[in-house]
């Protein structure tokens, strides 16, 4: 379910936010008002899985990118069919063992995994996919 802004999502979900380690604001579009008012895509199953990953690794997950409006996705060089246009997250790898984080995500049903040097992209697409960003393959093979 898509909301026009974080405030609209807060209003609609008031008293029903069940994910203490994540916020609407961090998962909403970060275009800064250039293209939208901070669109937010809400999917409880996704958030349940994200909370479970956090619990499994035992530390905070820093979300560097969540939902993106179509224009922001294009502006940041996102794929035209990017899962970020609904719901995907890029999780910063700083402070994490990249392999432990990825294994926890796989166990929680994240079927889209983009392997970068500094972040791990996660989504729950129907057809599983794994890819490397740029020259990140060597970092993931250590």
N, C-alpha and C. Protein backbone atom coordinates (compact mmCIF):
# COMPACT_ATOMS: atom_id res chain seq x y z
N UNK A 1 0.84 -1.17 0.00
CA UNK A 1 0.00 0.00 0.00
C UNK A 1 0.89 1.24 0.00
N UNK A 2 0.63 2.14 -0.90
CA UNK A 2 1.44 3.34 -1.02
C UNK A 2 0.76 4.52 -0.34
N UNK A 3 1.58 5.33 0.34
CA UNK A 3 1.11 6.56 0.96
C UNK A 3 1.85 7.72 0.30
N UNK A 4 1.16 8.84 0.20
CA UNK A 4 1.72 10.02 -0.46
C UNK A 4 2.88 10.63 0.30
N UNK A 5 2.87 10.49 1.62
CA UNK A 5 3.90 11.13 2.44
C UNK A 5 4.05 10.38 3.76
N UNK A 6 5.14 10.61 4.46
CA UNK A 6 5.29 10.01 5.79
C UNK A 6 4.17 10.43 6.74
N UNK A 7 3.74 11.68 6.66
CA UNK A 7 2.67 12.12 7.56
C UNK A 7 1.36 11.40 7.26
N UNK A 8 1.05 11.15 6.00
CA UNK A 8 -0.15 10.40 5.64
C UNK A 8 -0.04 8.96 6.15
N UNK A 9 1.15 8.38 6.04
CA UNK A 9 1.36 7.02 6.54
C UNK A 9 1.24 6.97 8.05
N UNK A 10 1.84 7.95 8.73
CA UNK A 10 1.74 8.00 10.20
C UNK A 10 0.28 8.08 10.64
N UNK A 11 -0.47 8.92 9.97
CA UNK A 11 -1.89 9.08 10.31
C UNK A 11 -2.66 7.78 10.10
N UNK A 12 -2.46 7.16 8.97
CA UNK A 12 -3.19 5.93 8.64
C UNK A 12 -2.77 4.76 9.51
N UNK A 13 -1.50 4.72 9.89
CA UNK A 13 -0.97 3.58 10.64
C UNK A 13 -0.85 3.84 12.13
N UNK A 14 -1.38 4.95 12.58
CA UNK A 14 -1.29 5.32 13.99
C UNK A 14 -1.76 4.17 14.89
N UNK A 15 -0.89 3.82 15.83
CA UNK A 15 -1.23 2.76 16.77
C UNK A 15 -1.06 1.35 16.20
N UNK A 16 -0.66 1.26 14.93
CA UNK A 16 -0.50 -0.06 14.30
C UNK A 16 0.91 -0.28 13.78
N UNK A 17 1.85 0.54 14.23
CA UNK A 17 3.23 0.37 13.79
C UNK A 17 3.89 -0.65 14.70
N UNK A 18 4.26 -1.79 14.15
CA UNK A 18 4.74 -2.93 14.92
C UNK A 18 6.24 -3.20 14.77
N UNK A 19 6.97 -2.29 14.18
CA UNK A 19 8.36 -2.53 13.83
C UNK A 19 9.25 -1.50 14.54
N UNK A 20 9.64 -1.79 15.78
CA UNK A 20 10.31 -0.79 16.62
C UNK A 20 11.68 -0.34 16.14
N UNK A 21 12.33 -1.10 15.29
CA UNK A 21 13.68 -0.75 14.87
C UNK A 21 13.74 -0.02 13.53
N UNK A 22 12.58 0.28 12.99
CA UNK A 22 12.51 0.98 11.70
C UNK A 22 11.46 2.07 11.76
N UNK A 23 11.61 3.05 10.91
CA UNK A 23 10.64 4.15 10.88
C UNK A 23 10.14 4.39 9.46
N UNK A 24 8.98 4.97 9.39
CA UNK A 24 8.41 5.33 8.09
C UNK A 24 9.36 6.27 7.35
N UNK A 25 9.90 7.23 8.07
CA UNK A 25 10.78 8.23 7.44
C UNK A 25 12.00 7.61 6.79
N UNK A 26 12.63 6.62 7.45
CA UNK A 26 13.83 6.05 6.86
C UNK A 26 13.51 5.15 5.66
N UNK A 27 12.29 4.65 5.59
CA UNK A 27 11.89 3.77 4.50
C UNK A 27 11.20 4.50 3.34
N UNK A 28 10.89 5.78 3.56
CA UNK A 28 10.20 6.59 2.55
C UNK A 28 11.20 7.15 1.53
N UNK A 29 10.67 7.66 0.45
CA UNK A 29 11.50 8.26 -0.60
C UNK A 29 12.31 9.42 -0.03
N UNK A 30 13.57 9.48 -0.42
CA UNK A 30 14.48 10.52 0.05
C UNK A 30 14.81 11.56 -1.02
N UNK A 31 13.86 11.83 -1.89
CA UNK A 31 14.13 12.84 -2.93
C UNK A 31 14.11 14.26 -2.37
N UNK A 32 13.74 14.39 -1.12
CA UNK A 32 13.78 15.71 -0.49
C UNK A 32 12.74 16.68 -1.03
N UNK A 33 11.64 16.17 -1.54
CA UNK A 33 10.58 17.02 -2.06
C UNK A 33 10.79 17.46 -3.49
N UNK A 34 11.85 17.01 -4.12
CA UNK A 34 12.10 17.40 -5.50
C UNK A 34 11.06 16.82 -6.45
N UNK A 35 10.60 15.59 -6.14
CA UNK A 35 9.67 14.92 -7.04
C UNK A 35 8.39 14.45 -6.35
N UNK A 36 8.45 14.23 -5.06
CA UNK A 36 7.27 13.76 -4.32
C UNK A 36 7.33 14.33 -2.90
N UNK A 37 6.39 13.96 -2.10
CA UNK A 37 6.33 14.43 -0.72
C UNK A 37 6.85 13.37 0.25
N UNK A 38 7.70 12.48 -0.24
CA UNK A 38 8.24 11.42 0.59
C UNK A 38 7.38 10.18 0.55
N UNK A 39 7.01 9.76 -0.65
CA UNK A 39 6.17 8.56 -0.80
C UNK A 39 6.68 7.43 0.09
N UNK A 40 5.73 6.67 0.62
CA UNK A 40 6.09 5.53 1.46
C UNK A 40 5.26 4.33 1.03
N UNK A 41 5.91 3.20 0.85
CA UNK A 41 5.25 1.96 0.47
C UNK A 41 5.21 1.06 1.70
N UNK A 42 4.02 0.66 2.13
CA UNK A 42 3.87 -0.13 3.35
C UNK A 42 3.53 -1.58 3.01
N UNK A 43 4.35 -2.48 3.55
CA UNK A 43 4.13 -3.90 3.34
C UNK A 43 4.53 -4.63 4.64
N UNK A 44 3.55 -5.01 5.48
CA UNK A 44 3.86 -5.62 6.78
C UNK A 44 4.73 -6.87 6.70
N UNK A 45 4.54 -7.73 5.72
CA UNK A 45 5.34 -8.95 5.63
C UNK A 45 6.81 -8.60 5.40
N UNK A 46 7.06 -7.61 4.58
CA UNK A 46 8.43 -7.14 4.34
C UNK A 46 9.04 -6.63 5.63
N UNK A 47 8.29 -5.82 6.36
CA UNK A 47 8.80 -5.25 7.61
C UNK A 47 9.02 -6.32 8.67
N UNK A 48 8.14 -7.31 8.72
CA UNK A 48 8.35 -8.44 9.65
C UNK A 48 9.67 -9.13 9.34
N UNK A 49 9.94 -9.36 8.07
CA UNK A 49 11.17 -10.02 7.66
C UNK A 49 12.39 -9.16 7.98
N UNK A 50 12.27 -7.85 7.79
CA UNK A 50 13.38 -6.95 8.09
C UNK A 50 13.68 -6.94 9.59
N UNK A 51 12.65 -6.92 10.41
CA UNK A 51 12.83 -7.01 11.87
C UNK A 51 13.51 -8.33 12.24
N UNK A 52 13.12 -9.41 11.59
CA UNK A 52 13.70 -10.72 11.88
C UNK A 52 15.18 -10.75 11.50
N UNK A 53 15.56 -10.10 10.41
CA UNK A 53 16.96 -10.02 10.03
C UNK A 53 17.74 -9.26 11.10
N UNK A 54 17.19 -8.15 11.53
CA UNK A 54 17.86 -7.36 12.57
C UNK A 54 18.05 -8.20 13.83
N UNK A 55 17.02 -8.93 14.24
CA UNK A 55 17.13 -9.78 15.43
C UNK A 55 18.19 -10.85 15.24
N UNK A 56 18.26 -11.42 14.04
CA UNK A 56 19.22 -12.49 13.78
C UNK A 56 20.67 -12.01 13.84
N UNK A 57 20.92 -10.79 13.37
CA UNK A 57 22.29 -10.28 13.38
C UNK A 57 22.62 -9.55 14.69
N UNK A 58 21.60 -9.21 15.46
CA UNK A 58 21.82 -8.63 16.77
C UNK A 58 22.34 -7.22 16.81
N UNK A 59 22.10 -6.48 15.75
CA UNK A 59 22.53 -5.08 15.74
C UNK A 59 21.70 -4.29 14.73
N UNK A 60 21.79 -2.98 14.82
CA UNK A 60 20.99 -2.11 13.97
C UNK A 60 21.29 -2.32 12.49
N UNK A 61 20.24 -2.16 11.70
CA UNK A 61 20.38 -2.14 10.25
C UNK A 61 20.20 -0.69 9.81
N UNK A 62 21.20 -0.13 9.21
CA UNK A 62 21.10 1.25 8.71
C UNK A 62 20.61 1.18 7.27
N UNK A 63 19.42 1.73 7.05
CA UNK A 63 18.81 1.74 5.73
C UNK A 63 19.27 2.99 4.99
N UNK A 64 19.99 2.79 3.90
CA UNK A 64 20.47 3.94 3.13
C UNK A 64 19.52 4.33 2.02
N UNK A 65 18.64 3.41 1.64
CA UNK A 65 17.63 3.69 0.62
C UNK A 65 16.48 2.72 0.81
N UNK A 66 15.27 3.24 0.75
CA UNK A 66 14.07 2.41 0.84
C UNK A 66 13.24 2.62 -0.43
N UNK A 67 11.98 3.00 -0.24
CA UNK A 67 11.12 3.28 -1.39
C UNK A 67 11.66 4.49 -2.13
N UNK A 68 11.50 4.50 -3.44
CA UNK A 68 11.86 5.66 -4.26
C UNK A 68 10.71 5.96 -5.20
N UNK A 69 10.36 7.24 -5.29
CA UNK A 69 9.40 7.61 -6.33
C UNK A 69 10.09 7.38 -7.68
N UNK A 70 9.32 7.26 -8.73
CA UNK A 70 9.88 6.93 -10.05
C UNK A 70 10.93 7.95 -10.49
N UNK A 71 10.67 9.23 -10.25
CA UNK A 71 11.61 10.26 -10.69
C UNK A 71 12.92 10.20 -9.91
N UNK A 72 12.84 9.95 -8.58
CA UNK A 72 14.06 9.86 -7.78
C UNK A 72 14.85 8.61 -8.18
N UNK A 73 14.15 7.52 -8.42
CA UNK A 73 14.81 6.30 -8.86
C UNK A 73 15.61 6.57 -10.13
N UNK A 74 15.01 7.28 -11.08
CA UNK A 74 15.72 7.61 -12.32
C UNK A 74 16.89 8.54 -12.04
N UNK A 75 16.70 9.52 -11.17
CA UNK A 75 17.74 10.50 -10.88
C UNK A 75 18.96 9.87 -10.23
N UNK A 76 18.77 8.82 -9.42
CA UNK A 76 19.91 8.17 -8.76
C UNK A 76 20.46 7.01 -9.58
N UNK A 77 19.96 6.82 -10.78
CA UNK A 77 20.46 5.78 -11.67
C UNK A 77 19.90 4.40 -11.38
N UNK A 78 18.74 4.34 -10.72
CA UNK A 78 18.10 3.06 -10.45
C UNK A 78 17.59 2.40 -11.73
N UNK A 79 17.51 1.09 -11.70
CA UNK A 79 16.99 0.35 -12.85
C UNK A 79 15.55 0.76 -13.13
N UNK A 80 15.14 0.81 -14.38
CA UNK A 80 13.76 1.20 -14.70
C UNK A 80 12.70 0.34 -13.99
N UNK A 81 12.98 -0.93 -13.79
CA UNK A 81 12.03 -1.81 -13.10
C UNK A 81 12.46 -2.08 -11.65
N UNK A 82 13.19 -1.15 -11.06
CA UNK A 82 13.72 -1.31 -9.71
C UNK A 82 12.64 -1.66 -8.69
N UNK A 83 12.97 -2.58 -7.81
CA UNK A 83 12.09 -2.94 -6.70
C UNK A 83 11.95 -1.77 -5.72
N UNK A 84 12.88 -0.83 -5.74
CA UNK A 84 12.78 0.35 -4.89
C UNK A 84 11.52 1.17 -5.21
N UNK A 85 10.98 1.01 -6.40
CA UNK A 85 9.77 1.76 -6.76
C UNK A 85 8.54 1.21 -6.03
N UNK A 86 8.65 0.05 -5.44
CA UNK A 86 7.66 -0.45 -4.48
C UNK A 86 8.41 -0.50 -3.15
N UNK A 87 8.95 -1.66 -2.80
CA UNK A 87 9.67 -1.71 -1.53
C UNK A 87 10.90 -2.59 -1.62
N UNK A 88 12.02 -1.98 -1.40
CA UNK A 88 13.32 -2.63 -1.30
C UNK A 88 14.13 -1.77 -0.35
N UNK A 89 15.18 -2.35 0.20
CA UNK A 89 16.07 -1.57 1.06
C UNK A 89 17.51 -1.84 0.67
N UNK A 90 18.33 -0.84 0.86
CA UNK A 90 19.76 -0.99 0.81
C UNK A 90 20.23 -0.84 2.25
N UNK A 91 20.93 -1.85 2.76
CA UNK A 91 21.39 -1.88 4.14
C UNK A 91 22.90 -1.66 4.14
N UNK A 92 23.35 -0.66 4.91
CA UNK A 92 24.78 -0.39 5.03
C UNK A 92 25.49 -1.59 5.64
N UNK A 93 26.64 -1.93 5.10
CA UNK A 93 27.40 -3.07 5.60
C UNK A 93 28.32 -2.72 6.77
N UNK A 94 28.58 -1.44 7.00
CA UNK A 94 29.46 -1.02 8.08
C UNK A 94 29.00 -1.65 9.40
N UNK A 95 29.93 -2.28 10.09
CA UNK A 95 29.63 -2.90 11.37
C UNK A 95 29.04 -4.30 11.29
N UNK A 96 28.87 -4.80 10.07
CA UNK A 96 28.29 -6.13 9.87
C UNK A 96 29.26 -7.06 9.16
N UNK A 97 29.13 -8.33 9.43
CA UNK A 97 29.78 -9.34 8.60
C UNK A 97 28.83 -9.51 7.41
N UNK A 98 29.27 -9.15 6.24
CA UNK A 98 28.40 -9.15 5.05
C UNK A 98 27.76 -10.52 4.80
N UNK A 99 28.50 -11.58 5.07
CA UNK A 99 27.98 -12.93 4.81
C UNK A 99 26.92 -13.33 5.83
N UNK A 100 27.13 -12.97 7.08
CA UNK A 100 26.13 -13.26 8.12
C UNK A 100 24.84 -12.49 7.83
N UNK A 101 24.98 -11.22 7.46
CA UNK A 101 23.81 -10.40 7.13
C UNK A 101 23.05 -10.99 5.95
N UNK A 102 23.77 -11.36 4.92
CA UNK A 102 23.11 -11.93 3.74
C UNK A 102 22.42 -13.25 4.06
N UNK A 103 23.08 -14.11 4.82
CA UNK A 103 22.47 -15.39 5.19
C UNK A 103 21.19 -15.18 6.00
N UNK A 104 21.20 -14.22 6.91
CA UNK A 104 20.00 -13.92 7.70
C UNK A 104 18.88 -13.44 6.78
N UNK A 105 19.22 -12.62 5.79
CA UNK A 105 18.22 -12.11 4.85
C UNK A 105 17.62 -13.24 4.02
N UNK A 106 18.45 -14.15 3.57
CA UNK A 106 17.97 -15.29 2.78
C UNK A 106 17.00 -16.13 3.62
N UNK A 107 17.36 -16.37 4.88
CA UNK A 107 16.48 -17.15 5.76
C UNK A 107 15.13 -16.48 5.97
N UNK A 108 15.07 -15.17 5.83
CA UNK A 108 13.82 -14.45 6.03
C UNK A 108 13.06 -14.20 4.73
N UNK A 109 13.50 -14.80 3.65
CA UNK A 109 12.74 -14.74 2.41
C UNK A 109 13.06 -13.58 1.49
N UNK A 110 14.19 -12.92 1.68
CA UNK A 110 14.59 -11.87 0.76
C UNK A 110 15.20 -12.56 -0.47
N UNK A 111 14.49 -12.47 -1.56
CA UNK A 111 14.86 -13.20 -2.78
C UNK A 111 15.65 -12.35 -3.78
N UNK A 112 15.64 -11.05 -3.60
CA UNK A 112 16.46 -10.15 -4.42
C UNK A 112 17.61 -9.67 -3.57
N UNK A 113 18.84 -9.94 -4.04
CA UNK A 113 20.02 -9.56 -3.28
C UNK A 113 21.03 -8.92 -4.20
N UNK A 114 21.25 -7.63 -3.98
CA UNK A 114 22.26 -6.90 -4.73
C UNK A 114 23.48 -6.74 -3.84
N UNK A 115 24.61 -7.25 -4.29
CA UNK A 115 25.82 -7.30 -3.48
C UNK A 115 26.76 -6.17 -3.89
N UNK A 116 26.87 -5.18 -3.02
CA UNK A 116 27.73 -4.02 -3.28
C UNK A 116 28.88 -4.01 -2.28
N UNK A 117 29.83 -3.13 -2.49
CA UNK A 117 30.96 -3.03 -1.56
C UNK A 117 30.51 -2.48 -0.21
N UNK A 118 29.59 -1.53 -0.20
CA UNK A 118 29.23 -0.85 1.04
C UNK A 118 27.80 -1.11 1.50
N UNK A 119 27.02 -1.81 0.71
CA UNK A 119 25.64 -2.08 1.11
C UNK A 119 25.15 -3.40 0.51
N UNK A 120 24.06 -3.88 1.09
CA UNK A 120 23.37 -5.07 0.60
C UNK A 120 21.95 -4.66 0.25
N UNK A 121 21.59 -4.81 -1.01
CA UNK A 121 20.23 -4.54 -1.46
C UNK A 121 19.38 -5.77 -1.14
N UNK A 122 18.18 -5.53 -0.60
CA UNK A 122 17.25 -6.62 -0.29
C UNK A 122 15.86 -6.29 -0.78
N UNK A 123 15.24 -7.27 -1.42
CA UNK A 123 13.83 -7.16 -1.78
C UNK A 123 13.22 -8.55 -1.76
N UNK A 124 11.92 -8.62 -1.97
CA UNK A 124 11.21 -9.90 -1.91
C UNK A 124 10.50 -10.17 -3.24
N UNK A 125 11.24 -10.12 -4.32
CA UNK A 125 10.69 -10.34 -5.66
C UNK A 125 10.24 -11.79 -5.82
N UNK A 126 9.35 -11.99 -6.78
CA UNK A 126 8.82 -13.34 -7.06
C UNK A 126 9.88 -14.28 -7.59
N UNK A 127 10.65 -13.82 -8.56
CA UNK A 127 11.70 -14.64 -9.16
C UNK A 127 13.05 -14.25 -8.56
N UNK A 128 13.68 -15.15 -7.81
CA UNK A 128 14.94 -14.82 -7.15
C UNK A 128 16.00 -14.29 -8.11
N UNK A 129 16.80 -13.36 -7.60
CA UNK A 129 17.89 -12.77 -8.38
C UNK A 129 19.01 -12.34 -7.44
N UNK A 130 20.23 -12.54 -7.88
CA UNK A 130 21.42 -12.09 -7.15
C UNK A 130 22.31 -11.40 -8.16
N UNK A 131 22.85 -10.25 -7.81
CA UNK A 131 23.74 -9.53 -8.71
C UNK A 131 24.78 -8.76 -7.92
N UNK A 132 25.84 -8.39 -8.61
CA UNK A 132 26.91 -7.58 -8.03
C UNK A 132 26.82 -6.18 -8.60
N UNK A 133 27.18 -5.21 -7.78
CA UNK A 133 27.28 -3.82 -8.24
C UNK A 133 28.75 -3.54 -8.55
N UNK A 134 28.99 -2.97 -9.72
CA UNK A 134 30.34 -2.56 -10.08
C UNK A 134 31.35 -3.67 -9.87
N UNK A 135 32.43 -3.34 -9.17
CA UNK A 135 33.51 -4.29 -8.94
C UNK A 135 33.44 -4.86 -7.52
N UNK A 136 32.25 -5.20 -7.07
CA UNK A 136 32.08 -5.66 -5.68
C UNK A 136 32.25 -7.17 -5.53
N UNK A 137 32.34 -7.89 -6.62
CA UNK A 137 32.38 -9.36 -6.54
C UNK A 137 33.51 -9.85 -5.64
N UNK A 138 34.68 -9.26 -5.76
CA UNK A 138 35.81 -9.72 -4.96
C UNK A 138 35.56 -9.54 -3.46
N UNK A 139 34.88 -8.48 -3.07
CA UNK A 139 34.59 -8.25 -1.65
C UNK A 139 33.66 -9.32 -1.08
N UNK A 140 32.80 -9.86 -1.93
CA UNK A 140 31.85 -10.88 -1.49
C UNK A 140 32.42 -12.28 -1.56
N UNK A 141 33.56 -12.46 -2.20
CA UNK A 141 34.15 -13.79 -2.31
C UNK A 141 35.23 -14.06 -1.28
N UNK A 142 35.44 -13.15 -0.40
CA UNK A 142 36.44 -13.32 0.66
C UNK A 142 35.86 -14.16 1.77
